[in-house]
Amino acid sequence: MSNTRAVIHLYEGDLPDGLDLGPVVAIDTEAMGLNPYRDRLCLVQLSSGDGEAHLVQIRPVHLENKGRSCPNLKALLQNENITKLMHFARFDVALLQYSFDIKVTPVICTKIASRLVYTFTDRHGLAYLCRDILGIDLSKQQQSSDWGAPILTEAQKSYAASDVLYLHALWEKLEALLVRENRRELAQSCFDFLSARATLDLLGYIEPDIFSHKG
């Protein structure tokens, strides 16, 4: 499987009315940093797995009143009939729940899936998995980038899109491995806990972790 040129749509503040991305939507986020209290949400990327990426640029004004000006995006994130497919969902769910004051469920996390079945390696990053499982090389050159810039560069848009374009294909492969190794039910239990895990993170239960033996 080789990289193909994707169609990228960029929106200001919200998804357009009537956009249907199907029952399983790949989602990723970009922020000014890794602390949701300090570093604001700047971009939400979505894909239905059809080779198109939908990027929603979030400016400070869109975060006022917990995203009241983003009704379509918030509705999708809260829709219990739409599964949100993410990589390292723990961060993205926490950021979205904090930014919009919502609960993001149901969720599937390909990083958790990888950790459950790719136990022969300690590499579970998206770039590694896409290369090893799908034969796709992802560029990570824009990973550290000013996502709050008023105008995103073409390189930034391409990077952001790549984080969601291949998640459906990756999940299909990982789910097959989970079934093969009899860990699909265990994975689902982990996915179901993600919203609560994100809430614990936002409350400060990261260190010490309440599940840790330490202390």
N, C-alpha and C. Protein backbone atom coordinates (compact mmCIF):
# COMPACT_ATOMS: atom_id res chain seq x y z
N MET A 1 0.86 -1.19 0.00
CA MET A 1 0.00 0.00 0.00
C MET A 1 0.89 1.24 0.00
N SER A 2 0.65 2.14 -0.89
CA SER A 2 1.50 3.32 -1.01
C SER A 2 0.70 4.57 -0.69
N ASN A 3 1.43 5.63 -0.39
CA ASN A 3 0.79 6.91 -0.11
C ASN A 3 0.06 7.41 -1.35
N THR A 4 -1.15 7.95 -1.16
CA THR A 4 -1.89 8.56 -2.25
C THR A 4 -2.19 10.00 -1.88
N ARG A 5 -2.38 10.82 -2.90
CA ARG A 5 -2.64 12.24 -2.64
C ARG A 5 -4.06 12.39 -2.12
N ALA A 6 -4.19 12.95 -0.95
CA ALA A 6 -5.49 13.06 -0.31
C ALA A 6 -6.19 14.37 -0.70
N VAL A 7 -7.48 14.36 -0.56
CA VAL A 7 -8.28 15.57 -0.71
C VAL A 7 -8.46 16.16 0.69
N ILE A 8 -8.05 17.41 0.86
CA ILE A 8 -8.09 18.05 2.18
C ILE A 8 -9.05 19.23 2.14
N HIS A 9 -10.00 19.22 3.05
CA HIS A 9 -10.95 20.32 3.20
C HIS A 9 -10.62 21.06 4.49
N LEU A 10 -10.59 22.38 4.44
CA LEU A 10 -10.30 23.19 5.62
C LEU A 10 -11.50 24.07 5.92
N TYR A 11 -11.98 24.00 7.17
CA TYR A 11 -13.14 24.79 7.58
C TYR A 11 -12.75 25.71 8.73
N GLU A 12 -13.51 26.78 8.85
CA GLU A 12 -13.28 27.76 9.92
C GLU A 12 -14.28 27.54 11.04
N GLY A 13 -13.82 27.00 12.17
CA GLY A 13 -14.64 26.98 13.37
C GLY A 13 -15.61 25.83 13.54
N ASP A 14 -16.08 25.22 12.45
CA ASP A 14 -17.06 24.16 12.59
C ASP A 14 -17.16 23.34 11.31
N LEU A 15 -17.71 22.15 11.42
CA LEU A 15 -18.00 21.35 10.24
C LEU A 15 -19.20 21.95 9.51
N PRO A 16 -19.27 21.80 8.19
CA PRO A 16 -20.42 22.35 7.46
C PRO A 16 -21.70 21.57 7.78
N ASP A 17 -22.82 22.23 7.65
CA ASP A 17 -24.11 21.57 7.87
C ASP A 17 -24.28 20.41 6.89
N GLY A 18 -24.82 19.31 7.39
CA GLY A 18 -25.18 18.19 6.51
C GLY A 18 -24.05 17.26 6.16
N LEU A 19 -22.84 17.50 6.66
CA LEU A 19 -21.72 16.61 6.34
C LEU A 19 -21.87 15.31 7.11
N ASP A 20 -21.93 14.20 6.39
CA ASP A 20 -22.08 12.87 6.99
C ASP A 20 -20.78 12.10 6.79
N LEU A 21 -20.09 11.81 7.88
CA LEU A 21 -18.82 11.10 7.80
C LEU A 21 -18.96 9.63 8.19
N GLY A 22 -20.18 9.16 8.32
CA GLY A 22 -20.39 7.75 8.57
C GLY A 22 -20.35 7.37 10.04
N PRO A 23 -20.49 6.06 10.32
CA PRO A 23 -20.59 5.58 11.69
C PRO A 23 -19.26 5.48 12.44
N VAL A 24 -18.14 5.50 11.71
CA VAL A 24 -16.82 5.44 12.34
C VAL A 24 -15.98 6.57 11.75
N VAL A 25 -15.58 7.51 12.59
CA VAL A 25 -14.86 8.69 12.12
C VAL A 25 -13.48 8.76 12.78
N ALA A 26 -12.44 8.81 11.96
CA ALA A 26 -11.08 9.00 12.48
C ALA A 26 -10.93 10.45 12.92
N ILE A 27 -10.38 10.66 14.11
CA ILE A 27 -10.26 12.01 14.67
C ILE A 27 -8.89 12.19 15.30
N ASP A 28 -8.32 13.37 15.09
CA ASP A 28 -7.07 13.74 15.75
C ASP A 28 -7.16 15.22 16.08
N THR A 29 -6.26 15.69 16.92
CA THR A 29 -6.24 17.10 17.29
C THR A 29 -4.83 17.65 17.23
N GLU A 30 -4.74 18.95 17.08
CA GLU A 30 -3.48 19.66 17.22
C GLU A 30 -3.71 20.81 18.20
N ALA A 31 -2.74 21.03 19.08
CA ALA A 31 -2.86 22.08 20.08
C ALA A 31 -1.54 22.83 20.17
N MET A 32 -1.52 23.87 20.97
CA MET A 32 -0.30 24.65 21.15
C MET A 32 0.74 23.92 21.98
N GLY A 33 0.33 22.87 22.66
CA GLY A 33 1.23 22.08 23.47
C GLY A 33 0.48 20.90 24.05
N LEU A 34 0.99 20.34 25.13
CA LEU A 34 0.43 19.10 25.68
C LEU A 34 -0.32 19.30 27.00
N ASN A 35 -0.48 20.55 27.43
CA ASN A 35 -1.20 20.84 28.66
C ASN A 35 -2.53 21.50 28.30
N PRO A 36 -3.66 20.79 28.42
CA PRO A 36 -4.94 21.36 27.97
C PRO A 36 -5.35 22.61 28.73
N TYR A 37 -4.87 22.80 29.96
CA TYR A 37 -5.21 24.00 30.72
C TYR A 37 -4.46 25.22 30.21
N ARG A 38 -3.28 24.99 29.66
CA ARG A 38 -2.44 26.08 29.18
C ARG A 38 -2.46 26.20 27.67
N ASP A 39 -2.48 25.07 26.98
CA ASP A 39 -2.27 25.02 25.54
C ASP A 39 -3.59 24.73 24.82
N ARG A 40 -4.08 25.73 24.14
CA ARG A 40 -5.42 25.62 23.56
C ARG A 40 -5.48 24.68 22.36
N LEU A 41 -6.67 24.15 22.14
CA LEU A 41 -6.98 23.37 20.95
C LEU A 41 -6.94 24.28 19.73
N CYS A 42 -6.27 23.84 18.67
CA CYS A 42 -6.12 24.67 17.46
C CYS A 42 -6.75 24.04 16.21
N LEU A 43 -6.78 22.72 16.16
CA LEU A 43 -7.23 22.05 14.95
C LEU A 43 -7.83 20.70 15.31
N VAL A 44 -8.93 20.36 14.65
CA VAL A 44 -9.52 19.02 14.77
C VAL A 44 -9.59 18.44 13.37
N GLN A 45 -8.99 17.26 13.19
CA GLN A 45 -8.96 16.59 11.90
C GLN A 45 -9.90 15.38 11.93
N LEU A 46 -10.64 15.18 10.84
CA LEU A 46 -11.58 14.09 10.77
C LEU A 46 -11.52 13.43 9.39
N SER A 47 -11.80 12.14 9.34
CA SER A 47 -11.87 11.42 8.07
C SER A 47 -12.80 10.22 8.21
N SER A 48 -13.51 9.93 7.15
CA SER A 48 -14.36 8.73 7.13
C SER A 48 -13.63 7.53 6.56
N GLY A 49 -12.34 7.73 6.23
CA GLY A 49 -11.56 6.64 5.67
C GLY A 49 -11.66 6.52 4.17
N ASP A 50 -12.18 7.56 3.53
CA ASP A 50 -12.40 7.53 2.08
C ASP A 50 -11.32 8.28 1.30
N GLY A 51 -10.21 8.63 1.96
CA GLY A 51 -9.16 9.38 1.28
C GLY A 51 -9.32 10.88 1.37
N GLU A 52 -10.34 11.34 2.09
CA GLU A 52 -10.54 12.78 2.28
C GLU A 52 -10.39 13.12 3.76
N ALA A 53 -9.78 14.26 4.02
CA ALA A 53 -9.60 14.74 5.39
C ALA A 53 -10.32 16.07 5.55
N HIS A 54 -10.99 16.22 6.66
CA HIS A 54 -11.74 17.45 6.97
C HIS A 54 -11.08 18.10 8.19
N LEU A 55 -10.51 19.26 7.99
CA LEU A 55 -9.78 19.96 9.04
C LEU A 55 -10.61 21.15 9.53
N VAL A 56 -10.83 21.21 10.83
CA VAL A 56 -11.58 22.32 11.41
C VAL A 56 -10.60 23.18 12.22
N GLN A 57 -10.35 24.39 11.74
CA GLN A 57 -9.43 25.29 12.44
C GLN A 57 -10.18 25.98 13.57
N ILE A 58 -9.66 25.82 14.78
CA ILE A 58 -10.28 26.37 15.98
C ILE A 58 -9.49 27.58 16.46
N ARG A 59 -10.12 28.73 16.47
CA ARG A 59 -9.48 29.95 16.97
C ARG A 59 -9.99 30.23 18.39
N PRO A 60 -9.31 31.12 19.12
CA PRO A 60 -9.74 31.40 20.50
C PRO A 60 -11.21 31.75 20.62
N VAL A 61 -11.75 32.49 19.64
CA VAL A 61 -13.15 32.88 19.71
C VAL A 61 -14.07 31.67 19.67
N HIS A 62 -13.65 30.60 19.01
CA HIS A 62 -14.48 29.41 18.91
C HIS A 62 -14.51 28.61 20.22
N LEU A 63 -13.57 28.90 21.11
CA LEU A 63 -13.52 28.19 22.39
C LEU A 63 -14.28 28.93 23.50
N GLU A 64 -14.76 30.12 23.18
CA GLU A 64 -15.55 30.86 24.15
C GLU A 64 -16.86 30.12 24.40
N ASN A 65 -17.32 30.13 25.63
CA ASN A 65 -18.54 29.42 26.02
C ASN A 65 -18.48 27.95 25.64
N LYS A 66 -17.26 27.37 25.78
CA LYS A 66 -17.03 25.95 25.55
C LYS A 66 -17.51 25.50 24.17
N GLY A 67 -17.17 26.30 23.16
CA GLY A 67 -17.42 25.89 21.77
C GLY A 67 -18.85 26.03 21.31
N ARG A 68 -19.57 26.99 21.85
CA ARG A 68 -20.96 27.19 21.44
C ARG A 68 -21.06 27.46 19.94
N SER A 69 -20.00 28.02 19.36
CA SER A 69 -20.02 28.34 17.94
C SER A 69 -19.61 27.16 17.06
N CYS A 70 -19.43 25.98 17.67
CA CYS A 70 -19.04 24.78 16.91
C CYS A 70 -20.09 23.68 17.08
N PRO A 71 -21.36 23.95 16.83
CA PRO A 71 -22.42 22.97 17.16
C PRO A 71 -22.31 21.66 16.38
N ASN A 72 -21.92 21.71 15.12
CA ASN A 72 -21.86 20.49 14.32
C ASN A 72 -20.73 19.58 14.78
N LEU A 73 -19.59 20.18 15.06
CA LEU A 73 -18.45 19.41 15.54
C LEU A 73 -18.76 18.79 16.91
N LYS A 74 -19.33 19.58 17.80
CA LYS A 74 -19.65 19.08 19.13
C LYS A 74 -20.70 17.96 19.06
N ALA A 75 -21.65 18.11 18.17
CA ALA A 75 -22.69 17.08 18.03
C ALA A 75 -22.09 15.76 17.58
N LEU A 76 -21.15 15.83 16.64
CA LEU A 76 -20.50 14.61 16.18
C LEU A 76 -19.70 13.95 17.31
N LEU A 77 -18.94 14.75 18.05
CA LEU A 77 -18.10 14.22 19.11
C LEU A 77 -18.91 13.57 20.22
N GLN A 78 -20.14 14.07 20.45
CA GLN A 78 -20.99 13.54 21.52
C GLN A 78 -21.95 12.45 21.06
N ASN A 79 -22.02 12.24 19.75
CA ASN A 79 -23.00 11.28 19.20
C ASN A 79 -22.62 9.86 19.59
N GLU A 80 -23.48 9.21 20.37
CA GLU A 80 -23.21 7.86 20.84
C GLU A 80 -23.29 6.83 19.72
N ASN A 81 -23.84 7.21 18.58
CA ASN A 81 -23.95 6.29 17.44
C ASN A 81 -22.77 6.42 16.47
N ILE A 82 -21.84 7.32 16.78
CA ILE A 82 -20.66 7.50 15.94
C ILE A 82 -19.43 7.14 16.75
N THR A 83 -18.68 6.15 16.28
CA THR A 83 -17.45 5.75 16.96
C THR A 83 -16.31 6.64 16.54
N LYS A 84 -15.60 7.17 17.51
CA LYS A 84 -14.46 8.03 17.26
C LYS A 84 -13.18 7.19 17.28
N LEU A 85 -12.50 7.15 16.16
CA LEU A 85 -11.30 6.32 15.98
C LEU A 85 -10.07 7.22 16.10
N MET A 86 -9.20 6.94 17.08
CA MET A 86 -8.08 7.82 17.37
C MET A 86 -6.80 7.02 17.61
N HIS A 87 -5.68 7.72 17.58
CA HIS A 87 -4.41 7.12 17.98
C HIS A 87 -3.89 7.91 19.18
N PHE A 88 -3.67 7.24 20.30
CA PHE A 88 -3.44 7.83 21.61
C PHE A 88 -4.63 8.71 21.99
N ALA A 89 -5.78 8.06 22.08
CA ALA A 89 -7.04 8.75 22.37
C ALA A 89 -7.04 9.41 23.74
N ARG A 90 -6.23 8.92 24.65
CA ARG A 90 -6.20 9.48 26.00
C ARG A 90 -5.98 10.99 25.96
N PHE A 91 -5.06 11.45 25.14
CA PHE A 91 -4.78 12.89 25.05
C PHE A 91 -5.90 13.62 24.31
N ASP A 92 -6.28 13.10 23.15
CA ASP A 92 -7.28 13.79 22.32
C ASP A 92 -8.62 13.88 23.03
N VAL A 93 -9.04 12.80 23.70
CA VAL A 93 -10.31 12.83 24.42
C VAL A 93 -10.26 13.86 25.55
N ALA A 94 -9.17 13.89 26.30
CA ALA A 94 -9.05 14.87 27.39
C ALA A 94 -9.10 16.29 26.85
N LEU A 95 -8.37 16.56 25.78
CA LEU A 95 -8.34 17.90 25.20
C LEU A 95 -9.72 18.33 24.71
N LEU A 96 -10.42 17.43 24.04
CA LEU A 96 -11.75 17.76 23.50
C LEU A 96 -12.77 17.90 24.62
N GLN A 97 -12.68 17.03 25.62
CA GLN A 97 -13.64 17.13 26.72
C GLN A 97 -13.43 18.42 27.50
N TYR A 98 -12.18 18.81 27.69
CA TYR A 98 -11.91 20.06 28.41
C TYR A 98 -12.30 21.27 27.57
N SER A 99 -11.96 21.26 26.29
CA SER A 99 -12.19 22.43 25.43
C SER A 99 -13.67 22.71 25.21
N PHE A 100 -14.48 21.64 25.10
CA PHE A 100 -15.89 21.81 24.75
C PHE A 100 -16.85 21.44 25.88
N ASP A 101 -16.31 20.99 27.02
CA ASP A 101 -17.14 20.59 28.15
C ASP A 101 -18.15 19.51 27.73
N ILE A 102 -17.65 18.45 27.13
CA ILE A 102 -18.48 17.37 26.64
C ILE A 102 -17.88 16.03 27.08
N LYS A 103 -18.61 14.96 26.83
CA LYS A 103 -18.10 13.61 27.02
C LYS A 103 -17.94 13.00 25.63
N VAL A 104 -16.75 12.51 25.33
CA VAL A 104 -16.46 11.95 24.00
C VAL A 104 -16.49 10.43 24.09
N THR A 105 -17.56 9.85 23.58
CA THR A 105 -17.72 8.39 23.51
C THR A 105 -18.62 8.05 22.33
N PRO A 106 -18.56 6.82 21.83
CA PRO A 106 -17.58 5.77 22.10
C PRO A 106 -16.28 6.03 21.33
N VAL A 107 -15.20 5.42 21.81
CA VAL A 107 -13.87 5.67 21.24
C VAL A 107 -13.16 4.35 21.01
N ILE A 108 -12.37 4.31 19.93
CA ILE A 108 -11.42 3.22 19.67
C ILE A 108 -10.05 3.85 19.57
N CYS A 109 -9.06 3.23 20.20
CA CYS A 109 -7.70 3.77 20.18
C CYS A 109 -6.75 2.75 19.55
N THR A 110 -6.15 3.11 18.43
CA THR A 110 -5.23 2.19 17.76
C THR A 110 -3.93 2.02 18.52
N LYS A 111 -3.57 2.98 19.36
CA LYS A 111 -2.34 2.82 20.14
C LYS A 111 -2.54 1.77 21.23
N ILE A 112 -3.69 1.79 21.89
CA ILE A 112 -4.00 0.76 22.87
C ILE A 112 -4.04 -0.60 22.19
N ALA A 113 -4.69 -0.66 21.03
CA ALA A 113 -4.76 -1.92 20.29
C ALA A 113 -3.37 -2.44 19.97
N SER A 114 -2.50 -1.54 19.55
CA SER A 114 -1.13 -1.94 19.22
C SER A 114 -0.41 -2.48 20.44
N ARG A 115 -0.56 -1.81 21.57
CA ARG A 115 0.12 -2.26 22.79
C ARG A 115 -0.36 -3.63 23.25
N LEU A 116 -1.60 -3.97 22.91
CA LEU A 116 -2.14 -5.26 23.32
C LEU A 116 -1.67 -6.41 22.44
N VAL A 117 -1.34 -6.14 21.18
CA VAL A 117 -0.97 -7.24 20.28
C VAL A 117 0.42 -7.12 19.67
N TYR A 118 0.98 -5.91 19.61
CA TYR A 118 2.34 -5.73 19.09
C TYR A 118 3.32 -5.77 20.26
N THR A 119 3.28 -6.86 21.00
CA THR A 119 4.08 -6.98 22.22
C THR A 119 5.53 -7.36 21.97
N PHE A 120 5.87 -7.57 20.71
CA PHE A 120 7.26 -7.89 20.35
C PHE A 120 8.09 -6.64 20.11
N THR A 121 7.48 -5.46 20.31
CA THR A 121 8.20 -4.20 20.12
C THR A 121 7.69 -3.18 21.12
N ASP A 122 8.50 -2.18 21.40
CA ASP A 122 8.05 -1.08 22.25
C ASP A 122 7.73 0.16 21.41
N ARG A 123 7.60 -0.03 20.11
CA ARG A 123 7.30 1.07 19.20
C ARG A 123 5.82 1.00 18.82
N HIS A 124 5.08 2.02 19.21
CA HIS A 124 3.64 2.04 18.95
C HIS A 124 3.17 3.38 18.39
N GLY A 125 4.11 4.17 17.88
CA GLY A 125 3.75 5.44 17.26
C GLY A 125 3.02 5.22 15.95
N LEU A 126 2.25 6.21 15.54
CA LEU A 126 1.46 6.08 14.32
C LEU A 126 2.34 5.89 13.09
N ALA A 127 3.44 6.63 13.01
CA ALA A 127 4.32 6.52 11.84
C ALA A 127 4.90 5.12 11.72
N TYR A 128 5.34 4.56 12.85
CA TYR A 128 5.90 3.20 12.81
C TYR A 128 4.85 2.18 12.40
N LEU A 129 3.65 2.27 12.98
CA LEU A 129 2.61 1.29 12.67
C LEU A 129 2.15 1.39 11.22
N CYS A 130 2.02 2.61 10.72
CA CYS A 130 1.61 2.76 9.32
C CYS A 130 2.65 2.17 8.38
N ARG A 131 3.91 2.35 8.71
CA ARG A 131 4.97 1.80 7.87
C ARG A 131 5.02 0.27 7.98
N ASP A 132 4.95 -0.24 9.20
CA ASP A 132 5.12 -1.67 9.41
C ASP A 132 3.89 -2.47 8.99
N ILE A 133 2.70 -1.94 9.22
CA ILE A 133 1.47 -2.68 8.94
C ILE A 133 0.88 -2.36 7.58
N LEU A 134 0.94 -1.08 7.18
CA LEU A 134 0.30 -0.64 5.94
C LEU A 134 1.28 -0.35 4.82
N GLY A 135 2.57 -0.25 5.14
CA GLY A 135 3.55 0.08 4.11
C GLY A 135 3.48 1.53 3.67
N ILE A 136 3.03 2.40 4.58
CA ILE A 136 2.88 3.83 4.28
C ILE A 136 3.86 4.62 5.14
N ASP A 137 4.61 5.50 4.51
CA ASP A 137 5.55 6.36 5.21
C ASP A 137 4.91 7.71 5.50
N LEU A 138 4.81 8.05 6.78
CA LEU A 138 4.26 9.33 7.19
C LEU A 138 5.38 10.27 7.58
N SER A 139 5.30 11.50 7.12
CA SER A 139 6.27 12.52 7.52
C SER A 139 5.85 13.11 8.86
N LYS A 140 6.79 13.25 9.78
CA LYS A 140 6.52 13.85 11.08
C LYS A 140 7.23 15.20 11.23
N GLN A 141 7.59 15.82 10.11
CA GLN A 141 8.36 17.05 10.17
C GLN A 141 7.59 18.22 10.79
N GLN A 142 6.26 18.19 10.70
CA GLN A 142 5.46 19.29 11.24
C GLN A 142 4.90 18.98 12.63
N GLN A 143 5.40 17.91 13.26
CA GLN A 143 4.86 17.52 14.55
C GLN A 143 5.00 18.65 15.57
N SER A 144 6.15 19.28 15.62
CA SER A 144 6.35 20.45 16.47
C SER A 144 6.19 21.68 15.58
N SER A 145 5.02 22.28 15.67
CA SER A 145 4.68 23.35 14.73
C SER A 145 3.75 24.33 15.42
N ASP A 146 3.67 25.55 14.91
CA ASP A 146 2.77 26.56 15.47
C ASP A 146 1.38 26.35 14.90
N TRP A 147 0.59 25.53 15.60
CA TRP A 147 -0.76 25.22 15.12
C TRP A 147 -1.74 26.36 15.38
N GLY A 148 -1.32 27.34 16.14
CA GLY A 148 -2.18 28.49 16.37
C GLY A 148 -2.01 29.59 15.34
N ALA A 149 -1.17 29.37 14.34
CA ALA A 149 -0.95 30.38 13.30
C ALA A 149 -2.26 30.68 12.57
N PRO A 150 -2.50 31.94 12.22
CA PRO A 150 -3.76 32.28 11.54
C PRO A 150 -3.95 31.54 10.22
N ILE A 151 -2.85 31.33 9.50
CA ILE A 151 -2.93 30.62 8.22
C ILE A 151 -2.01 29.41 8.29
N LEU A 152 -2.56 28.23 8.08
CA LEU A 152 -1.76 27.00 8.11
C LEU A 152 -1.06 26.81 6.77
N THR A 153 0.16 26.32 6.83
CA THR A 153 0.90 26.05 5.59
C THR A 153 0.39 24.76 4.96
N GLU A 154 0.74 24.57 3.71
CA GLU A 154 0.36 23.32 3.03
C GLU A 154 0.99 22.12 3.72
N ALA A 155 2.22 22.30 4.21
CA ALA A 155 2.89 21.20 4.92
C ALA A 155 2.15 20.86 6.20
N GLN A 156 1.68 21.87 6.92
CA GLN A 156 0.92 21.62 8.14
C GLN A 156 -0.38 20.89 7.83
N LYS A 157 -1.08 21.32 6.80
CA LYS A 157 -2.35 20.68 6.45
C LYS A 157 -2.14 19.24 6.02
N SER A 158 -1.09 18.98 5.27
CA SER A 158 -0.80 17.61 4.84
C SER A 158 -0.45 16.73 6.03
N TYR A 159 0.36 17.26 6.94
CA TYR A 159 0.72 16.50 8.14
C TYR A 159 -0.52 16.19 8.97
N ALA A 160 -1.34 17.20 9.21
CA ALA A 160 -2.55 17.01 10.02
C ALA A 160 -3.48 15.99 9.39
N ALA A 161 -3.62 16.04 8.08
CA ALA A 161 -4.49 15.09 7.39
C ALA A 161 -3.97 13.67 7.51
N SER A 162 -2.67 13.50 7.44
CA SER A 162 -2.09 12.15 7.46
C SER A 162 -2.36 11.44 8.78
N ASP A 163 -2.64 12.18 9.83
CA ASP A 163 -2.90 11.57 11.13
C ASP A 163 -4.27 10.91 11.21
N VAL A 164 -5.14 11.17 10.24
CA VAL A 164 -6.47 10.54 10.26
C VAL A 164 -6.77 9.71 9.01
N LEU A 165 -6.05 9.94 7.94
CA LEU A 165 -6.38 9.30 6.67
C LEU A 165 -6.24 7.78 6.69
N TYR A 166 -5.34 7.25 7.52
CA TYR A 166 -5.04 5.82 7.48
C TYR A 166 -5.51 5.06 8.71
N LEU A 167 -6.23 5.73 9.61
CA LEU A 167 -6.62 5.07 10.85
C LEU A 167 -7.63 3.94 10.62
N HIS A 168 -8.52 4.10 9.65
CA HIS A 168 -9.48 3.02 9.38
C HIS A 168 -8.77 1.75 8.91
N ALA A 169 -7.83 1.92 7.99
CA ALA A 169 -7.09 0.77 7.48
C ALA A 169 -6.23 0.15 8.57
N LEU A 170 -5.64 0.99 9.41
CA LEU A 170 -4.80 0.49 10.50
C LEU A 170 -5.65 -0.27 11.52
N TRP A 171 -6.80 0.26 11.86
CA TRP A 171 -7.68 -0.40 12.81
C TRP A 171 -8.16 -1.75 12.28
N GLU A 172 -8.44 -1.82 11.01
CA GLU A 172 -8.88 -3.10 10.42
C GLU A 172 -7.84 -4.19 10.64
N LYS A 173 -6.57 -3.84 10.44
CA LYS A 173 -5.48 -4.81 10.63
C LYS A 173 -5.29 -5.15 12.11
N LEU A 174 -5.33 -4.12 12.95
CA LEU A 174 -5.11 -4.35 14.38
C LEU A 174 -6.27 -5.12 15.00
N GLU A 175 -7.48 -4.83 14.57
CA GLU A 175 -8.62 -5.57 15.11
C GLU A 175 -8.53 -7.05 14.77
N ALA A 176 -8.07 -7.36 13.56
CA ALA A 176 -7.89 -8.76 13.18
C ALA A 176 -6.88 -9.45 14.09
N LEU A 177 -5.82 -8.73 14.44
CA LEU A 177 -4.82 -9.29 15.36
C LEU A 177 -5.39 -9.47 16.77
N LEU A 178 -6.20 -8.51 17.21
CA LEU A 178 -6.83 -8.64 18.52
C LEU A 178 -7.73 -9.87 18.58
N VAL A 179 -8.48 -10.09 17.52
CA VAL A 179 -9.35 -11.27 17.45
C VAL A 179 -8.50 -12.54 17.44
N ARG A 180 -7.45 -12.53 16.63
CA ARG A 180 -6.58 -13.71 16.53
C ARG A 180 -5.96 -14.08 17.87
N GLU A 181 -5.58 -13.06 18.65
CA GLU A 181 -4.93 -13.30 19.94
C GLU A 181 -5.92 -13.32 21.11
N ASN A 182 -7.20 -13.31 20.78
CA ASN A 182 -8.27 -13.40 21.79
C ASN A 182 -8.20 -12.23 22.79
N ARG A 183 -7.96 -11.01 22.25
CA ARG A 183 -7.87 -9.84 23.11
C ARG A 183 -8.82 -8.73 22.67
N ARG A 184 -9.75 -9.04 21.78
CA ARG A 184 -10.68 -8.01 21.29
C ARG A 184 -11.58 -7.51 22.41
N GLU A 185 -12.08 -8.40 23.25
CA GLU A 185 -12.95 -7.99 24.35
C GLU A 185 -12.18 -7.16 25.37
N LEU A 186 -10.96 -7.56 25.64
CA LEU A 186 -10.12 -6.80 26.56
C LEU A 186 -9.87 -5.39 26.01
N ALA A 187 -9.60 -5.30 24.71
CA ALA A 187 -9.38 -4.00 24.08
C ALA A 187 -10.62 -3.12 24.23
N GLN A 188 -11.79 -3.69 24.04
CA GLN A 188 -13.02 -2.92 24.15
C GLN A 188 -13.20 -2.38 25.56
N SER A 189 -12.85 -3.18 26.55
CA SER A 189 -12.94 -2.71 27.93
C SER A 189 -12.03 -1.50 28.15
N CYS A 190 -10.85 -1.53 27.54
CA CYS A 190 -9.93 -0.39 27.63
C CYS A 190 -10.51 0.83 26.93
N PHE A 191 -11.08 0.62 25.75
CA PHE A 191 -11.67 1.73 25.00
C PHE A 191 -12.81 2.38 25.80
N ASP A 192 -13.63 1.53 26.43
CA ASP A 192 -14.78 2.04 27.17
C ASP A 192 -14.36 2.90 28.36
N PHE A 193 -13.15 2.68 28.84
CA PHE A 193 -12.65 3.41 30.01
C PHE A 193 -11.99 4.74 29.65
N LEU A 194 -11.78 4.99 28.37
CA LEU A 194 -10.97 6.14 27.96
C LEU A 194 -11.54 7.48 28.41
N SER A 195 -12.84 7.66 28.33
CA SER A 195 -13.43 8.94 28.75
C SER A 195 -13.17 9.18 30.23
N ALA A 196 -13.30 8.13 31.04
CA ALA A 196 -13.02 8.26 32.47
C ALA A 196 -11.53 8.50 32.72
N ARG A 197 -10.67 7.81 31.95
CA ARG A 197 -9.23 8.01 32.11
C ARG A 197 -8.85 9.46 31.79
N ALA A 198 -9.47 10.01 30.75
CA ALA A 198 -9.21 11.40 30.38
C ALA A 198 -9.68 12.35 31.48
N THR A 199 -10.82 12.04 32.09
CA THR A 199 -11.32 12.87 33.18
C THR A 199 -10.37 12.82 34.38
N LEU A 200 -9.85 11.63 34.68
CA LEU A 200 -8.86 11.50 35.75
C LEU A 200 -7.63 12.35 35.46
N ASP A 201 -7.17 12.33 34.21
CA ASP A 201 -6.02 13.15 33.82
C ASP A 201 -6.30 14.63 34.06
N LEU A 202 -7.50 15.07 33.67
CA LEU A 202 -7.85 16.48 33.82
C LEU A 202 -7.97 16.88 35.30
N LEU A 203 -8.30 15.92 36.15
CA LEU A 203 -8.39 16.19 37.57
C LEU A 203 -7.04 16.13 38.27
N GLY A 204 -6.01 15.74 37.52
CA GLY A 204 -4.67 15.73 38.08
C GLY A 204 -4.18 14.38 38.56
N TYR A 205 -4.96 13.32 38.28
CA TYR A 205 -4.55 11.99 38.73
C TYR A 205 -3.63 11.32 37.70
N ILE A 206 -2.55 12.00 37.37
CA ILE A 206 -1.55 11.45 36.45
C ILE A 206 -0.37 10.94 37.25
N GLU A 207 0.11 11.75 38.16
CA GLU A 207 1.22 11.36 39.04
C GLU A 207 0.95 11.89 40.44
N PRO A 208 0.65 11.01 41.41
CA PRO A 208 0.66 9.56 41.26
C PRO A 208 -0.59 9.04 40.55
N ASP A 209 -0.42 8.03 39.74
CA ASP A 209 -1.53 7.35 39.06
C ASP A 209 -2.24 6.50 40.10
N ILE A 210 -3.57 6.61 40.18
CA ILE A 210 -4.31 5.87 41.21
C ILE A 210 -4.26 4.36 40.98
N PHE A 211 -3.82 3.95 39.79
CA PHE A 211 -3.70 2.51 39.52
C PHE A 211 -2.30 1.99 39.82
N SER A 212 -1.42 2.89 40.19
CA SER A 212 -0.04 2.50 40.46
C SER A 212 0.11 1.93 41.86
N HIS A 213 1.02 0.99 42.00
CA HIS A 213 1.31 0.41 43.31
C HIS A 213 2.11 1.40 44.17
N LYS A 214 2.76 2.34 43.51
CA LYS A 214 3.63 3.28 44.20
C LYS A 214 2.85 4.14 45.19
N GLY A 215 3.42 4.33 46.38
CA GLY A 215 2.81 5.22 47.36
C GLY A 215 1.93 4.46 48.35
